[in-house]
């Protein structure tokens, strides 16, 4: 039987990590893999390495973690060439379900700068530095529309606990059947 994988995706500062952490806490037998955590590790380890080279190392680490996981909560922001590579590899080993954490680019921008002002460490992202933050978030939101989500959780209207309850309504039976446990 294939393992289970939930790909949690959404814009920067949409609430993906908060929701993924809630999933990890409440889903026995699931591991978490987040590109941001791997990017931070490599930024700390090799601060002077150019971004493209560091991103390649992050991608390799990320794929190794994904492939060797049991059941997986995979958090990813960018819908880019690397996402397509990960998605293809994951589908070889896992039954994949897509969880879209929806939040408007404008609200994501507000959250991002509030977190930054509060001392939250920014993630070293590759990309187009000529775009404003808001322009890049609007572009990302457009790309994310191409993914067919199994569930869309609106992070502007729901608390994390309410999002979790909606998630369980959709996936409880699939998870229970797969893990032979009751949630």
Protein backbone atom coordinates (compact mmCIF):
# COMPACT_ATOMS: atom_id res chain seq x y z
CA UNK A 1 0.00 0.00 0.00
CA UNK A 2 1.27 3.47 -0.88
CA UNK A 3 2.02 5.87 1.92
CA UNK A 4 -0.05 9.04 2.48
CA UNK A 5 1.18 12.53 1.66
CA UNK A 6 -0.57 15.82 2.26
CA UNK A 7 0.97 18.66 0.29
CA UNK A 8 0.18 21.86 2.18
CA UNK A 9 0.67 24.82 -0.09
CA UNK A 10 -0.20 28.49 -0.19
CA UNK A 11 1.37 31.90 -0.35
CA UNK A 12 4.14 33.18 1.94
CA UNK A 13 2.63 34.03 5.37
CA UNK A 14 -0.70 32.36 4.52
CA UNK A 15 -0.57 30.06 7.56
CA UNK A 16 0.91 26.90 5.99
CA UNK A 17 3.42 26.22 8.75
CA UNK A 18 0.88 26.80 11.51
CA UNK A 19 -1.50 24.33 9.88
CA UNK A 20 1.24 21.81 9.02
CA UNK A 21 2.43 21.86 12.65
CA UNK A 22 -1.15 21.20 13.79
CA UNK A 23 -1.32 18.27 11.38
CA UNK A 24 1.99 16.86 12.62
CA UNK A 25 0.86 17.16 16.25
CA UNK A 26 -2.44 15.37 15.57
CA UNK A 27 -1.51 12.77 12.96
CA UNK A 28 0.45 9.85 14.41
CA UNK A 29 2.92 8.31 12.01
CA UNK A 30 3.36 11.41 9.84
CA UNK A 31 6.60 13.24 9.28
CA UNK A 32 6.96 16.89 8.28
CA UNK A 33 9.12 18.23 5.46
CA UNK A 34 9.19 21.94 4.77
CA UNK A 35 11.33 23.67 2.19
CA UNK A 36 11.64 26.78 4.37
CA UNK A 37 13.28 24.88 7.23
CA UNK A 38 15.79 23.36 4.81
CA UNK A 39 16.47 26.78 3.24
CA UNK A 40 17.23 28.22 6.68
CA UNK A 41 19.58 25.35 7.49
CA UNK A 42 21.57 25.91 4.30
CA UNK A 43 21.56 29.73 4.69
CA UNK A 44 23.09 29.28 8.16
CA UNK A 45 25.60 26.70 7.00
CA UNK A 46 26.71 28.53 3.83
CA UNK A 47 25.79 32.23 4.13
CA UNK A 48 28.16 33.29 1.35
CA UNK A 49 27.10 30.65 -1.16
CA UNK A 50 25.20 32.10 -4.11
CA UNK A 51 21.45 31.62 -3.93
CA UNK A 52 21.11 29.34 -6.97
CA UNK A 53 23.84 26.98 -5.76
CA UNK A 54 22.37 26.92 -2.24
CA UNK A 55 18.89 26.28 -3.67
CA UNK A 56 20.23 23.20 -5.51
CA UNK A 57 21.56 21.81 -2.22
CA UNK A 58 18.22 22.54 -0.54
CA UNK A 59 16.40 20.68 -3.29
CA UNK A 60 18.60 17.60 -2.84
CA UNK A 61 18.09 17.60 0.95
CA UNK A 62 14.37 18.08 0.55
CA UNK A 63 14.00 15.19 -1.93
CA UNK A 64 15.99 12.84 0.31
CA UNK A 65 13.82 13.70 3.30
CA UNK A 66 10.63 13.25 1.27
CA UNK A 67 11.54 9.92 -0.29
CA UNK A 68 12.61 8.37 3.03
CA UNK A 69 9.55 9.51 5.01
CA UNK A 70 6.78 7.19 6.15
CA UNK A 71 3.59 9.20 5.81
CA UNK A 72 4.25 12.80 4.98
CA UNK A 73 3.10 16.36 5.51
CA UNK A 74 4.92 18.30 2.83
CA UNK A 75 4.86 22.09 3.00
CA UNK A 76 5.77 24.09 -0.07
CA UNK A 77 5.20 27.64 -1.27
CA UNK A 78 6.52 27.97 -4.77
CA UNK A 79 4.81 26.33 -7.71
CA UNK A 80 7.94 26.16 -9.79
CA UNK A 81 10.11 23.64 -11.62
CA UNK A 82 11.37 22.19 -8.33
CA UNK A 83 7.81 21.73 -7.05
CA UNK A 84 7.04 19.74 -10.22
CA UNK A 85 10.07 17.50 -9.59
CA UNK A 86 9.03 16.90 -5.97
CA UNK A 87 5.42 16.31 -6.95
CA UNK A 88 6.42 13.73 -9.56
CA UNK A 89 8.71 11.85 -7.13
CA UNK A 90 6.16 11.94 -4.31
CA UNK A 91 3.44 10.46 -6.53
CA UNK A 92 5.68 7.44 -7.15
CA UNK A 93 5.61 6.51 -3.45
CA UNK A 94 2.56 8.21 -1.92
CA UNK A 95 -1.16 8.74 -2.35
CA UNK A 96 -1.10 12.54 -2.59
CA UNK A 97 -3.73 14.99 -1.37
CA UNK A 98 -3.47 18.75 -1.85
CA UNK A 99 -4.34 21.13 1.00
CA UNK A 100 -4.48 24.75 -0.13
CA UNK A 101 -4.14 27.33 2.63
CA UNK A 102 -5.85 30.26 0.96
CA UNK A 103 -5.02 33.84 1.87
CA UNK A 104 -5.13 36.91 -0.37
CA UNK A 105 -1.78 38.34 -1.52
CA UNK A 106 -2.60 41.61 0.27
CA UNK A 107 -3.21 39.90 3.62
CA UNK A 108 -0.10 37.74 3.12
CA UNK A 109 1.92 40.90 2.55
CA UNK A 110 0.56 42.45 5.77
CA UNK A 111 1.29 39.29 7.76
CA UNK A 112 4.76 38.97 6.29
CA UNK A 113 5.81 42.50 7.25
CA UNK A 114 4.20 42.22 10.70
CA UNK A 115 6.17 39.02 11.34
CA UNK A 116 9.34 40.63 10.04
CA UNK A 117 8.83 43.66 12.33
CA UNK A 118 8.36 41.24 15.25
CA UNK A 119 11.77 39.69 14.53
CA UNK A 120 10.69 36.65 12.51
CA UNK A 121 13.56 35.52 10.37
CA UNK A 122 12.91 35.80 6.65
CA UNK A 123 13.49 32.82 4.43
CA UNK A 124 16.20 33.29 1.77
CA UNK A 125 14.15 32.77 -1.37
CA UNK A 126 15.43 32.57 -4.90
CA UNK A 127 13.49 34.50 -7.46
CA UNK A 128 12.84 37.74 -9.24
CA UNK A 129 14.15 40.58 -7.09
CA UNK A 130 12.72 43.12 -9.55
CA UNK A 131 9.16 42.39 -8.42
CA UNK A 132 7.70 43.95 -5.29
CA UNK A 133 6.66 41.58 -2.54
CA UNK A 134 2.99 42.08 -3.41
CA UNK A 135 3.59 41.53 -7.14
CA UNK A 136 5.45 38.30 -6.43
CA UNK A 137 2.60 37.11 -4.11
CA UNK A 138 -0.01 37.89 -6.78
CA UNK A 139 2.07 35.96 -9.33
CA UNK A 140 2.36 33.02 -6.91
CA UNK A 141 -1.40 33.03 -6.24
CA UNK A 142 -2.03 32.80 -9.99
CA UNK A 143 0.31 29.80 -10.32
CA UNK A 144 -1.35 28.06 -7.37
CA UNK A 145 -4.72 28.21 -9.11
CA UNK A 146 -3.41 25.56 -11.53
CA UNK A 147 -3.29 22.94 -8.78
CA UNK A 148 -6.50 21.04 -8.09
CA UNK A 149 -6.82 21.18 -4.31
CA UNK A 150 -8.56 18.35 -2.49
CA UNK A 151 -9.48 20.94 0.14
CA UNK A 152 -9.17 24.72 0.35
CA UNK A 153 -8.89 26.19 3.84
CA UNK A 154 -9.45 29.94 4.07
CA UNK A 155 -6.90 31.27 6.56
CA UNK A 156 -8.47 34.73 6.52
CA UNK A 157 -11.87 33.50 7.73
CA UNK A 158 -11.01 30.45 9.86
CA UNK A 159 -8.87 29.93 12.92
CA UNK A 160 -6.32 27.09 12.78
CA UNK A 161 -8.65 24.98 14.97
CA UNK A 162 -11.56 25.55 12.56
CA UNK A 163 -9.31 24.69 9.62
CA UNK A 164 -8.35 21.44 11.39
CA UNK A 165 -12.01 20.53 11.88
CA UNK A 166 -12.74 21.13 8.18
CA UNK A 167 -9.71 19.04 7.26
CA UNK A 168 -10.92 16.16 9.45
CA UNK A 169 -14.40 16.26 7.89
CA UNK A 170 -12.83 15.56 4.51
CA UNK A 171 -9.95 13.23 5.42
CA UNK A 172 -10.75 11.46 8.71
CA UNK A 173 -11.98 8.22 7.09
CA UNK A 174 -9.07 8.03 4.62
CA UNK A 175 -6.53 8.56 7.40
CA UNK A 176 -8.24 6.10 9.77
CA UNK A 177 -8.39 3.44 7.04
CA UNK A 178 -4.76 3.97 6.13
CA UNK A 179 -3.36 4.02 9.66
CA UNK A 180 -5.87 1.59 11.17
CA UNK A 181 -6.26 4.12 13.98
CA UNK A 182 -9.06 6.42 15.04
CA UNK A 183 -8.60 10.17 15.01
